[in-house]
Amino acid sequence: MLVALVAASFALTSINTLVLNQDTLLLWLDVYIPCLPDGNIYLSSKDLSPFLDIGVKIAGVTFSPDEQLLWFLVEAHSVHVSSLTGLSMVQKVSLARAGAWNWWDRNWRDETRVDPLLGLVAQRVYRDFPDEKVLVIINLAWISSEITAFVKSVGGEIVRVGLAEYILAKLPPTALNRLLENKQIRTLEAEKPIILR
């Protein structure tokens, strides 16, 4: 018990030190935006402007494991943290990692088969919600019944089969690398809300 308390105290001190000493942080913002009657969550410029007005960059948006909140991954300076915590739509601010996000203008598919946003989501779920699963869009070379069995074999469940050779699945965060062993899977990416243009 004492070891756990010391570890928790050290982790909290480390985060506080990072916030004070690092100029650029990658943060998770847990944001509540209600669903519309069709069951979907839509984001418009009105939803994004409070963050942009503060001066943060939005690196990506995805869903929390229970799909009740949106997780905004933002790049911010340490001086912006208190402003972000003061926004009424933000329920929680947590550290993803110190340092800048280096995927702004890069096509991640050219460099990796896993969306960098999904990689950070998996890390957070594994750390903060060890019994939860991650929503993953599995882009396939072709759809077959084998892939459903493969997803189930790694502890996942199929949520929806799309028309354009993709599957939406819930997976344990530790299963992502196992999925990449399957040659039928082209890429894995985080599910994102619908962005209104």
N, C-alpha and C. Protein backbone atom coordinates (compact mmCIF):
# COMPACT_ATOMS: atom_id res chain seq x y z
N MET A 1 0.83 -1.19 0.00
CA MET A 1 0.00 0.00 0.00
C MET A 1 0.87 1.25 0.00
N LEU A 2 1.92 1.26 0.82
CA LEU A 2 2.81 2.41 0.90
C LEU A 2 3.51 2.63 -0.43
N VAL A 3 3.91 1.52 -1.08
CA VAL A 3 4.59 1.63 -2.38
C VAL A 3 3.65 2.29 -3.40
N ALA A 4 2.37 1.88 -3.38
CA ALA A 4 1.40 2.46 -4.31
C ALA A 4 1.21 3.95 -4.06
N LEU A 5 1.17 4.36 -2.79
CA LEU A 5 1.01 5.77 -2.46
C LEU A 5 2.22 6.58 -2.90
N VAL A 6 3.40 6.03 -2.68
CA VAL A 6 4.63 6.72 -3.10
C VAL A 6 4.66 6.85 -4.62
N ALA A 7 4.28 5.75 -5.32
CA ALA A 7 4.27 5.79 -6.79
C ALA A 7 3.27 6.82 -7.29
N ALA A 8 2.08 6.86 -6.69
CA ALA A 8 1.06 7.84 -7.10
C ALA A 8 1.53 9.25 -6.83
N SER A 9 2.17 9.47 -5.70
CA SER A 9 2.68 10.79 -5.37
C SER A 9 3.77 11.21 -6.34
N PHE A 10 4.65 10.25 -6.70
CA PHE A 10 5.72 10.55 -7.65
C PHE A 10 5.14 10.90 -9.02
N ALA A 11 4.10 10.13 -9.46
CA ALA A 11 3.49 10.39 -10.77
C ALA A 11 2.86 11.78 -10.79
N LEU A 12 2.16 12.16 -9.73
CA LEU A 12 1.54 13.47 -9.66
C LEU A 12 2.59 14.57 -9.66
N THR A 13 3.67 14.37 -8.90
CA THR A 13 4.76 15.35 -8.89
C THR A 13 5.40 15.46 -10.27
N SER A 14 5.55 14.33 -10.95
CA SER A 14 6.15 14.35 -12.29
C SER A 14 5.29 15.15 -13.26
N ILE A 15 3.97 14.95 -13.21
CA ILE A 15 3.08 15.71 -14.10
C ILE A 15 3.15 17.19 -13.78
N ASN A 16 3.11 17.54 -12.49
CA ASN A 16 3.20 18.95 -12.11
C ASN A 16 4.52 19.56 -12.56
N THR A 17 5.61 18.80 -12.42
CA THR A 17 6.91 19.29 -12.86
C THR A 17 6.92 19.51 -14.36
N LEU A 18 6.32 18.57 -15.11
CA LEU A 18 6.26 18.73 -16.56
C LEU A 18 5.48 19.97 -16.94
N VAL A 19 4.35 20.18 -16.28
CA VAL A 19 3.53 21.35 -16.60
C VAL A 19 4.30 22.63 -16.32
N LEU A 20 5.08 22.65 -15.26
CA LEU A 20 5.82 23.86 -14.92
C LEU A 20 7.07 24.05 -15.77
N ASN A 21 7.72 22.95 -16.16
CA ASN A 21 9.03 23.06 -16.81
C ASN A 21 9.00 22.93 -18.33
N GLN A 22 7.98 22.30 -18.89
CA GLN A 22 7.95 22.11 -20.34
C GLN A 22 7.11 23.21 -20.96
N ASP A 23 7.58 23.75 -22.07
CA ASP A 23 6.81 24.79 -22.74
C ASP A 23 5.65 24.19 -23.53
N THR A 24 5.87 23.07 -24.20
CA THR A 24 4.84 22.46 -25.03
C THR A 24 4.42 21.12 -24.45
N LEU A 25 3.10 20.92 -24.36
CA LEU A 25 2.54 19.69 -23.81
C LEU A 25 1.52 19.12 -24.79
N LEU A 26 1.41 17.81 -24.79
CA LEU A 26 0.33 17.14 -25.50
C LEU A 26 -0.66 16.70 -24.43
N LEU A 27 -1.88 17.25 -24.49
CA LEU A 27 -2.86 17.04 -23.44
C LEU A 27 -4.10 16.33 -23.97
N TRP A 28 -4.73 15.57 -23.08
CA TRP A 28 -6.06 15.03 -23.34
C TRP A 28 -7.08 15.94 -22.67
N LEU A 29 -8.09 16.34 -23.41
CA LEU A 29 -9.22 17.07 -22.86
C LEU A 29 -10.44 16.18 -22.97
N ASP A 30 -11.07 15.86 -21.85
CA ASP A 30 -12.31 15.10 -21.86
C ASP A 30 -13.45 16.10 -21.99
N VAL A 31 -14.16 16.03 -23.11
CA VAL A 31 -15.13 17.06 -23.47
C VAL A 31 -16.51 16.43 -23.65
N TYR A 32 -17.51 17.08 -23.08
CA TYR A 32 -18.88 16.62 -23.27
C TYR A 32 -19.55 17.45 -24.35
N ILE A 33 -19.99 16.76 -25.40
CA ILE A 33 -20.82 17.36 -26.45
C ILE A 33 -21.97 16.38 -26.66
N PRO A 34 -23.22 16.84 -26.50
CA PRO A 34 -24.35 15.91 -26.57
C PRO A 34 -24.57 15.34 -27.97
N CYS A 35 -25.12 14.13 -28.01
CA CYS A 35 -25.52 13.50 -29.28
C CYS A 35 -26.74 14.23 -29.84
N LEU A 36 -26.87 14.18 -31.13
CA LEU A 36 -28.08 14.67 -31.78
C LEU A 36 -29.10 13.52 -31.84
N PRO A 37 -30.36 13.79 -32.19
CA PRO A 37 -31.37 12.73 -32.19
C PRO A 37 -31.01 11.51 -33.04
N ASP A 38 -30.17 11.68 -34.06
CA ASP A 38 -29.79 10.52 -34.89
C ASP A 38 -28.74 9.64 -34.22
N GLY A 39 -28.30 10.03 -33.01
CA GLY A 39 -27.34 9.22 -32.27
C GLY A 39 -25.89 9.54 -32.55
N ASN A 40 -25.63 10.46 -33.48
CA ASN A 40 -24.25 10.82 -33.82
C ASN A 40 -23.83 12.10 -33.10
N ILE A 41 -22.53 12.24 -32.94
CA ILE A 41 -21.96 13.48 -32.41
C ILE A 41 -21.30 14.22 -33.57
N TYR A 42 -21.67 15.47 -33.72
CA TYR A 42 -21.13 16.30 -34.79
C TYR A 42 -20.31 17.42 -34.17
N LEU A 43 -19.21 17.75 -34.81
CA LEU A 43 -18.39 18.88 -34.38
C LEU A 43 -18.44 19.96 -35.44
N SER A 44 -18.63 21.19 -35.00
CA SER A 44 -18.62 22.32 -35.92
C SER A 44 -17.54 23.29 -35.46
N SER A 45 -17.34 24.35 -36.23
CA SER A 45 -16.36 25.36 -35.85
C SER A 45 -16.72 25.99 -34.51
N LYS A 46 -18.02 26.05 -34.19
CA LYS A 46 -18.47 26.59 -32.90
C LYS A 46 -17.94 25.74 -31.74
N ASP A 47 -17.87 24.42 -31.94
CA ASP A 47 -17.37 23.52 -30.90
C ASP A 47 -15.86 23.61 -30.75
N LEU A 48 -15.17 23.93 -31.82
CA LEU A 48 -13.71 23.97 -31.81
C LEU A 48 -13.15 25.33 -31.43
N SER A 49 -13.92 26.39 -31.66
CA SER A 49 -13.40 27.74 -31.46
C SER A 49 -12.95 28.05 -30.02
N PRO A 50 -13.60 27.52 -28.95
CA PRO A 50 -13.08 27.84 -27.61
C PRO A 50 -11.63 27.40 -27.41
N PHE A 51 -11.26 26.28 -28.01
CA PHE A 51 -9.88 25.80 -27.89
C PHE A 51 -8.94 26.61 -28.75
N LEU A 52 -9.37 26.89 -29.97
CA LEU A 52 -8.53 27.66 -30.89
C LEU A 52 -8.34 29.09 -30.39
N ASP A 53 -9.37 29.66 -29.74
CA ASP A 53 -9.27 31.02 -29.20
C ASP A 53 -8.22 31.11 -28.10
N ILE A 54 -8.06 30.02 -27.35
CA ILE A 54 -7.03 30.01 -26.29
C ILE A 54 -5.64 29.93 -26.90
N GLY A 55 -5.54 29.34 -28.10
CA GLY A 55 -4.25 29.25 -28.77
C GLY A 55 -3.67 27.85 -28.80
N VAL A 56 -4.52 26.83 -28.59
CA VAL A 56 -4.02 25.46 -28.68
C VAL A 56 -4.27 24.90 -30.07
N LYS A 57 -3.51 23.89 -30.43
CA LYS A 57 -3.71 23.19 -31.70
C LYS A 57 -4.41 21.87 -31.40
N ILE A 58 -5.42 21.55 -32.17
CA ILE A 58 -6.13 20.29 -31.99
C ILE A 58 -5.47 19.24 -32.88
N ALA A 59 -4.87 18.24 -32.24
CA ALA A 59 -4.16 17.20 -32.97
C ALA A 59 -5.09 16.08 -33.42
N GLY A 60 -6.20 15.90 -32.73
CA GLY A 60 -7.15 14.85 -33.09
C GLY A 60 -8.28 14.78 -32.09
N VAL A 61 -9.37 14.17 -32.50
CA VAL A 61 -10.53 13.99 -31.64
C VAL A 61 -11.03 12.56 -31.83
N THR A 62 -11.33 11.89 -30.73
CA THR A 62 -11.88 10.55 -30.79
C THR A 62 -12.83 10.37 -29.61
N PHE A 63 -13.29 9.15 -29.40
CA PHE A 63 -14.27 8.86 -28.37
C PHE A 63 -13.62 8.21 -27.15
N SER A 64 -14.18 8.49 -25.97
CA SER A 64 -13.77 7.77 -24.76
C SER A 64 -14.26 6.33 -24.89
N PRO A 65 -13.70 5.40 -24.10
CA PRO A 65 -14.12 4.00 -24.22
C PRO A 65 -15.62 3.78 -24.04
N ASP A 66 -16.27 4.55 -23.18
CA ASP A 66 -17.71 4.37 -22.98
C ASP A 66 -18.54 5.17 -23.99
N GLU A 67 -17.87 5.92 -24.86
CA GLU A 67 -18.49 6.73 -25.92
C GLU A 67 -19.39 7.84 -25.38
N GLN A 68 -19.20 8.24 -24.14
CA GLN A 68 -19.98 9.32 -23.53
C GLN A 68 -19.29 10.67 -23.66
N LEU A 69 -17.98 10.66 -23.86
CA LEU A 69 -17.19 11.88 -23.97
C LEU A 69 -16.36 11.84 -25.24
N LEU A 70 -15.97 13.02 -25.69
CA LEU A 70 -14.96 13.12 -26.75
C LEU A 70 -13.62 13.36 -26.08
N TRP A 71 -12.61 12.74 -26.62
CA TRP A 71 -11.25 12.99 -26.17
C TRP A 71 -10.56 13.84 -27.23
N PHE A 72 -10.25 15.08 -26.86
CA PHE A 72 -9.50 15.98 -27.73
C PHE A 72 -8.03 15.83 -27.36
N LEU A 73 -7.20 15.56 -28.34
CA LEU A 73 -5.76 15.57 -28.14
C LEU A 73 -5.28 16.93 -28.64
N VAL A 74 -4.73 17.74 -27.72
CA VAL A 74 -4.32 19.09 -28.10
C VAL A 74 -2.86 19.33 -27.75
N GLU A 75 -2.24 20.15 -28.57
CA GLU A 75 -0.89 20.63 -28.28
C GLU A 75 -1.04 22.03 -27.72
N ALA A 76 -0.51 22.24 -26.53
CA ALA A 76 -0.69 23.52 -25.85
C ALA A 76 0.59 23.90 -25.12
N HIS A 77 0.73 25.19 -24.88
CA HIS A 77 1.82 25.66 -24.02
C HIS A 77 1.35 25.53 -22.57
N SER A 78 2.28 25.38 -21.67
CA SER A 78 1.93 25.16 -20.27
C SER A 78 1.08 26.30 -19.70
N VAL A 79 1.23 27.50 -20.22
CA VAL A 79 0.44 28.63 -19.71
C VAL A 79 -1.04 28.51 -20.08
N HIS A 80 -1.39 27.62 -21.03
CA HIS A 80 -2.77 27.46 -21.46
C HIS A 80 -3.55 26.48 -20.59
N VAL A 81 -2.87 25.72 -19.73
CA VAL A 81 -3.53 24.65 -18.98
C VAL A 81 -4.67 25.19 -18.13
N SER A 82 -4.44 26.27 -17.40
CA SER A 82 -5.50 26.80 -16.53
C SER A 82 -6.68 27.32 -17.35
N SER A 83 -6.43 27.89 -18.52
CA SER A 83 -7.53 28.35 -19.37
C SER A 83 -8.36 27.18 -19.88
N LEU A 84 -7.70 26.09 -20.21
CA LEU A 84 -8.41 24.91 -20.69
C LEU A 84 -9.28 24.30 -19.59
N THR A 85 -8.76 24.24 -18.38
CA THR A 85 -9.55 23.68 -17.28
C THR A 85 -10.74 24.56 -16.94
N GLY A 86 -10.70 25.82 -17.32
CA GLY A 86 -11.80 26.73 -17.04
C GLY A 86 -12.94 26.67 -18.04
N LEU A 87 -12.78 25.95 -19.15
CA LEU A 87 -13.85 25.85 -20.14
C LEU A 87 -14.95 24.93 -19.62
N SER A 88 -16.19 25.35 -19.72
CA SER A 88 -17.30 24.58 -19.15
C SER A 88 -17.48 23.21 -19.81
N MET A 89 -17.15 23.10 -21.08
CA MET A 89 -17.33 21.82 -21.78
C MET A 89 -16.24 20.81 -21.45
N VAL A 90 -15.13 21.27 -20.85
CA VAL A 90 -14.01 20.39 -20.52
C VAL A 90 -14.21 19.81 -19.12
N GLN A 91 -14.31 18.50 -19.05
CA GLN A 91 -14.52 17.86 -17.75
C GLN A 91 -13.23 17.44 -17.08
N LYS A 92 -12.17 17.23 -17.88
CA LYS A 92 -10.90 16.79 -17.31
C LYS A 92 -9.78 17.14 -18.28
N VAL A 93 -8.63 17.51 -17.73
CA VAL A 93 -7.42 17.73 -18.52
C VAL A 93 -6.35 16.80 -17.97
N SER A 94 -5.73 16.02 -18.85
CA SER A 94 -4.66 15.13 -18.40
C SER A 94 -3.53 15.14 -19.41
N LEU A 95 -2.37 14.78 -18.94
CA LEU A 95 -1.18 14.81 -19.78
C LEU A 95 -1.10 13.56 -20.65
N ALA A 96 -0.92 13.76 -21.95
CA ALA A 96 -0.65 12.64 -22.85
C ALA A 96 0.87 12.42 -22.88
N ARG A 97 1.61 13.52 -23.09
CA ARG A 97 3.08 13.49 -23.00
C ARG A 97 3.60 14.91 -23.16
N ALA A 98 4.81 15.13 -22.71
CA ALA A 98 5.45 16.44 -22.90
C ALA A 98 6.02 16.49 -24.31
N GLY A 99 6.06 17.68 -24.86
CA GLY A 99 6.66 17.85 -26.18
C GLY A 99 5.62 18.05 -27.26
N ALA A 100 6.09 18.47 -28.42
CA ALA A 100 5.21 18.82 -29.54
C ALA A 100 4.70 17.57 -30.26
N TRP A 101 3.58 17.72 -30.91
CA TRP A 101 3.00 16.68 -31.75
C TRP A 101 3.65 16.80 -33.11
N ASN A 102 4.25 15.73 -33.58
CA ASN A 102 5.03 15.84 -34.83
C ASN A 102 4.33 15.23 -36.04
N TRP A 103 3.00 15.09 -35.98
CA TRP A 103 2.28 14.49 -37.10
C TRP A 103 1.37 15.49 -37.81
N TRP A 104 1.56 16.78 -37.59
CA TRP A 104 0.63 17.77 -38.14
C TRP A 104 0.43 17.65 -39.64
N ASP A 105 1.51 17.69 -40.40
CA ASP A 105 1.40 17.75 -41.86
C ASP A 105 1.89 16.47 -42.53
N ARG A 106 1.83 15.36 -41.80
CA ARG A 106 2.34 14.12 -42.37
C ARG A 106 1.20 13.14 -42.62
N ASN A 107 1.30 12.41 -43.69
CA ASN A 107 0.35 11.34 -43.97
C ASN A 107 0.86 10.10 -43.24
N TRP A 108 0.25 9.78 -42.11
CA TRP A 108 0.76 8.71 -41.27
C TRP A 108 0.76 7.37 -41.99
N ARG A 109 -0.15 7.18 -42.95
CA ARG A 109 -0.23 5.90 -43.66
C ARG A 109 1.05 5.61 -44.46
N ASP A 110 1.79 6.67 -44.81
CA ASP A 110 3.05 6.48 -45.53
C ASP A 110 4.15 5.94 -44.62
N GLU A 111 3.99 6.10 -43.30
CA GLU A 111 5.06 5.75 -42.37
C GLU A 111 4.73 4.63 -41.41
N THR A 112 3.45 4.42 -41.15
CA THR A 112 3.06 3.41 -40.17
C THR A 112 1.68 2.89 -40.50
N ARG A 113 1.34 1.72 -40.01
CA ARG A 113 0.01 1.16 -40.24
C ARG A 113 -0.95 1.51 -39.11
N VAL A 114 -0.47 2.16 -38.06
CA VAL A 114 -1.32 2.53 -36.93
C VAL A 114 -1.38 4.04 -36.82
N ASP A 115 -2.58 4.59 -36.85
CA ASP A 115 -2.82 6.02 -36.66
C ASP A 115 -2.15 6.46 -35.35
N PRO A 116 -1.29 7.48 -35.38
CA PRO A 116 -0.64 7.94 -34.14
C PRO A 116 -1.63 8.34 -33.05
N LEU A 117 -2.78 8.91 -33.44
CA LEU A 117 -3.82 9.23 -32.46
C LEU A 117 -4.30 7.95 -31.76
N LEU A 118 -4.51 6.89 -32.52
CA LEU A 118 -4.94 5.62 -31.95
C LEU A 118 -3.88 5.07 -31.00
N GLY A 119 -2.61 5.23 -31.35
CA GLY A 119 -1.53 4.78 -30.47
C GLY A 119 -1.59 5.45 -29.11
N LEU A 120 -1.82 6.76 -29.10
CA LEU A 120 -1.93 7.48 -27.83
C LEU A 120 -3.22 7.14 -27.08
N VAL A 121 -4.30 6.91 -27.82
CA VAL A 121 -5.55 6.48 -27.18
C VAL A 121 -5.33 5.14 -26.48
N ALA A 122 -4.69 4.21 -27.16
CA ALA A 122 -4.43 2.89 -26.57
C ALA A 122 -3.59 3.01 -25.31
N GLN A 123 -2.58 3.89 -25.34
CA GLN A 123 -1.75 4.11 -24.14
C GLN A 123 -2.59 4.63 -22.99
N ARG A 124 -3.48 5.60 -23.28
CA ARG A 124 -4.29 6.18 -22.21
C ARG A 124 -5.29 5.16 -21.65
N VAL A 125 -5.94 4.42 -22.52
CA VAL A 125 -6.90 3.42 -22.06
C VAL A 125 -6.18 2.37 -21.22
N TYR A 126 -5.02 1.91 -21.68
CA TYR A 126 -4.26 0.91 -20.94
C TYR A 126 -3.86 1.43 -19.55
N ARG A 127 -3.50 2.70 -19.49
CA ARG A 127 -3.06 3.32 -18.23
C ARG A 127 -4.23 3.63 -17.29
N ASP A 128 -5.27 4.26 -17.82
CA ASP A 128 -6.34 4.80 -16.98
C ASP A 128 -7.60 3.93 -16.89
N PHE A 129 -7.83 3.08 -17.88
CA PHE A 129 -9.04 2.26 -17.93
C PHE A 129 -8.67 0.83 -18.33
N PRO A 130 -7.93 0.11 -17.51
CA PRO A 130 -7.37 -1.18 -17.91
C PRO A 130 -8.40 -2.24 -18.30
N ASP A 131 -9.65 -2.08 -17.88
CA ASP A 131 -10.67 -3.07 -18.22
C ASP A 131 -11.51 -2.68 -19.43
N GLU A 132 -11.19 -1.53 -20.02
CA GLU A 132 -11.97 -1.03 -21.16
C GLU A 132 -11.31 -1.42 -22.49
N LYS A 133 -12.09 -1.28 -23.56
CA LYS A 133 -11.60 -1.55 -24.90
C LYS A 133 -11.56 -0.26 -25.71
N VAL A 134 -10.79 -0.27 -26.77
CA VAL A 134 -10.58 0.88 -27.64
C VAL A 134 -11.40 0.71 -28.91
N LEU A 135 -12.08 1.77 -29.35
CA LEU A 135 -12.77 1.74 -30.64
C LEU A 135 -11.74 1.89 -31.75
N VAL A 136 -11.73 0.95 -32.69
CA VAL A 136 -10.72 0.93 -33.74
C VAL A 136 -11.40 0.73 -35.09
N ILE A 137 -11.02 1.54 -36.06
CA ILE A 137 -11.44 1.31 -37.44
C ILE A 137 -10.35 0.45 -38.08
N ILE A 138 -10.74 -0.73 -38.51
CA ILE A 138 -9.82 -1.66 -39.17
C ILE A 138 -10.05 -1.55 -40.66
N ASN A 139 -9.07 -1.02 -41.38
CA ASN A 139 -9.17 -0.91 -42.84
C ASN A 139 -8.56 -2.17 -43.44
N LEU A 140 -9.32 -2.82 -44.31
CA LEU A 140 -8.96 -4.14 -44.82
C LEU A 140 -8.64 -4.11 -46.30
N ALA A 141 -7.86 -5.07 -46.73
CA ALA A 141 -7.63 -5.28 -48.15
C ALA A 141 -8.89 -5.89 -48.77
N TRP A 142 -9.57 -6.75 -48.02
CA TRP A 142 -10.84 -7.33 -48.42
C TRP A 142 -11.54 -7.85 -47.17
N ILE A 143 -12.86 -7.92 -47.23
CA ILE A 143 -13.63 -8.39 -46.08
C ILE A 143 -13.93 -9.87 -46.23
N SER A 144 -13.64 -10.62 -45.18
CA SER A 144 -13.96 -12.05 -45.18
C SER A 144 -14.39 -12.44 -43.77
N SER A 145 -14.97 -13.62 -43.64
CA SER A 145 -15.41 -14.08 -42.33
C SER A 145 -14.22 -14.38 -41.41
N GLU A 146 -13.05 -14.60 -42.00
CA GLU A 146 -11.85 -14.89 -41.19
C GLU A 146 -11.51 -13.73 -40.25
N ILE A 147 -11.71 -12.51 -40.73
CA ILE A 147 -11.30 -11.36 -39.93
C ILE A 147 -12.15 -11.23 -38.67
N THR A 148 -13.45 -11.57 -38.76
CA THR A 148 -14.31 -11.54 -37.58
C THR A 148 -13.80 -12.52 -36.53
N ALA A 149 -13.45 -13.71 -36.96
CA ALA A 149 -12.91 -14.72 -36.04
C ALA A 149 -11.58 -14.25 -35.46
N PHE A 150 -10.76 -13.59 -36.28
CA PHE A 150 -9.46 -13.12 -35.80
C PHE A 150 -9.64 -12.04 -34.74
N VAL A 151 -10.56 -11.09 -34.98
CA VAL A 151 -10.82 -10.03 -34.00
C VAL A 151 -11.28 -10.64 -32.68
N LYS A 152 -12.17 -11.61 -32.74
CA LYS A 152 -12.64 -12.27 -31.52
C LYS A 152 -11.52 -13.04 -30.82
N SER A 153 -10.61 -13.60 -31.59
CA SER A 153 -9.51 -14.38 -30.99
C SER A 153 -8.54 -13.53 -30.19
N VAL A 154 -8.48 -12.21 -30.48
CA VAL A 154 -7.59 -11.32 -29.72
C VAL A 154 -8.36 -10.57 -28.62
N GLY A 155 -9.61 -10.99 -28.35
CA GLY A 155 -10.39 -10.41 -27.27
C GLY A 155 -11.26 -9.24 -27.68
N GLY A 156 -11.47 -9.06 -28.99
CA GLY A 156 -12.26 -7.95 -29.48
C GLY A 156 -13.67 -8.34 -29.84
N GLU A 157 -14.44 -7.33 -30.22
CA GLU A 157 -15.80 -7.56 -30.68
C GLU A 157 -16.09 -6.62 -31.85
N ILE A 158 -16.84 -7.11 -32.82
CA ILE A 158 -17.20 -6.32 -34.00
C ILE A 158 -18.40 -5.43 -33.64
N VAL A 159 -18.28 -4.13 -33.91
CA VAL A 159 -19.37 -3.18 -33.66
C VAL A 159 -20.18 -2.97 -34.95
N ARG A 160 -19.47 -2.81 -36.07
CA ARG A 160 -20.14 -2.53 -37.34
C ARG A 160 -19.23 -2.95 -38.49
N VAL A 161 -19.82 -3.47 -39.54
CA VAL A 161 -19.08 -3.78 -40.77
C VAL A 161 -19.48 -2.74 -41.79
N GLY A 162 -18.49 -2.01 -42.31
CA GLY A 162 -18.76 -0.94 -43.26
C GLY A 162 -18.83 -1.45 -44.69
N LEU A 163 -19.28 -0.58 -45.57
CA LEU A 163 -19.40 -0.94 -46.97
C LEU A 163 -18.08 -0.85 -47.72
N ALA A 164 -17.17 -0.02 -47.24
CA ALA A 164 -15.93 0.26 -47.98
C ALA A 164 -14.73 -0.47 -47.37
N GLU A 165 -14.91 -1.75 -47.09
CA GLU A 165 -13.81 -2.59 -46.60
C GLU A 165 -13.20 -2.07 -45.30
N TYR A 166 -14.07 -1.76 -44.36
CA TYR A 166 -13.60 -1.43 -43.02
C TYR A 166 -14.53 -2.06 -42.00
N ILE A 167 -14.00 -2.27 -40.82
CA ILE A 167 -14.75 -2.80 -39.70
C ILE A 167 -14.50 -1.89 -38.52
N LEU A 168 -15.55 -1.56 -37.77
CA LEU A 168 -15.40 -0.86 -36.51
C LEU A 168 -15.46 -1.92 -35.42
N ALA A 169 -14.42 -1.96 -34.59
CA ALA A 169 -14.34 -2.98 -33.55
C ALA A 169 -13.93 -2.35 -32.24
N LYS A 170 -14.23 -3.07 -31.15
CA LYS A 170 -13.73 -2.70 -29.83
C LYS A 170 -12.68 -3.74 -29.47
N LEU A 171 -11.49 -3.24 -29.12
CA LEU A 171 -10.37 -4.14 -28.86
C LEU A 171 -9.65 -3.78 -27.58
N PRO A 172 -9.10 -4.77 -26.89
CA PRO A 172 -8.21 -4.44 -25.78
C PRO A 172 -7.02 -3.66 -26.33
N PRO A 173 -6.54 -2.63 -25.62
CA PRO A 173 -5.43 -1.83 -26.17
C PRO A 173 -4.17 -2.65 -26.44
N THR A 174 -4.01 -3.75 -25.73
CA THR A 174 -2.82 -4.59 -25.94
C THR A 174 -2.92 -5.46 -27.18
N ALA A 175 -4.07 -5.49 -27.85
CA ALA A 175 -4.27 -6.37 -29.00
C ALA A 175 -3.92 -5.72 -30.33
N LEU A 176 -3.62 -4.41 -30.33
CA LEU A 176 -3.40 -3.72 -31.60
C LEU A 176 -2.24 -4.34 -32.39
N ASN A 177 -1.14 -4.62 -31.73
CA ASN A 177 0.01 -5.21 -32.44
C ASN A 177 -0.32 -6.58 -32.99
N ARG A 178 -1.13 -7.36 -32.27
CA ARG A 178 -1.52 -8.68 -32.75
C ARG A 178 -2.31 -8.58 -34.05
N LEU A 179 -3.14 -7.52 -34.15
CA LEU A 179 -3.93 -7.35 -35.37
C LEU A 179 -3.04 -7.14 -36.58
N LEU A 180 -1.93 -6.45 -36.38
CA LEU A 180 -1.05 -6.14 -37.50
C LEU A 180 -0.35 -7.37 -38.05
N GLU A 181 -0.42 -8.49 -37.33
CA GLU A 181 0.14 -9.74 -37.84
C GLU A 181 -0.69 -10.27 -39.01
N ASN A 182 -1.95 -9.86 -39.09
CA ASN A 182 -2.84 -10.33 -40.14
C ASN A 182 -2.61 -9.51 -41.41
N LYS A 183 -2.24 -10.18 -42.48
CA LYS A 183 -1.91 -9.51 -43.76
C LYS A 183 -3.12 -8.88 -44.42
N GLN A 184 -4.32 -9.28 -44.00
CA GLN A 184 -5.55 -8.72 -44.57
C GLN A 184 -5.80 -7.30 -44.07
N ILE A 185 -5.18 -6.92 -42.94
CA ILE A 185 -5.41 -5.61 -42.33
C ILE A 185 -4.40 -4.60 -42.88
N ARG A 186 -4.93 -3.55 -43.52
CA ARG A 186 -4.06 -2.51 -44.06
C ARG A 186 -3.64 -1.52 -42.99
N THR A 187 -4.62 -0.89 -42.31
CA THR A 187 -4.31 0.12 -41.30
C THR A 187 -5.33 0.04 -40.16
N LEU A 188 -4.92 0.59 -39.02
CA LEU A 188 -5.80 0.74 -37.86
C LEU A 188 -5.87 2.22 -37.53
N GLU A 189 -7.07 2.74 -37.27
CA GLU A 189 -7.17 4.15 -36.90
C GLU A 189 -8.26 4.37 -35.87
N ALA A 190 -8.17 5.50 -35.20
CA ALA A 190 -9.16 5.86 -34.17
C ALA A 190 -10.45 6.30 -34.84
N GLU A 191 -11.58 5.94 -34.22
CA GLU A 191 -12.86 6.42 -34.72
C GLU A 191 -13.01 7.89 -34.33
N LYS A 192 -13.52 8.69 -35.26
CA LYS A 192 -13.62 10.14 -35.03
C LYS A 192 -15.07 10.58 -35.17
N PRO A 193 -15.45 11.64 -34.47
CA PRO A 193 -16.80 12.19 -34.64
C PRO A 193 -16.95 12.81 -36.04
N ILE A 194 -18.18 13.07 -36.42
CA ILE A 194 -18.45 13.67 -37.73
C ILE A 194 -18.15 15.17 -37.63
N ILE A 195 -17.30 15.65 -38.52
CA ILE A 195 -16.92 17.06 -38.55
C ILE A 195 -17.77 17.77 -39.60
N LEU A 196 -18.48 18.79 -39.19
CA LEU A 196 -19.27 19.57 -40.13
C LEU A 196 -18.39 20.60 -40.82
N ARG A 197 -18.52 20.74 -42.09
CA ARG A 197 -17.72 21.69 -42.85
C ARG A 197 -18.47 23.00 -43.00
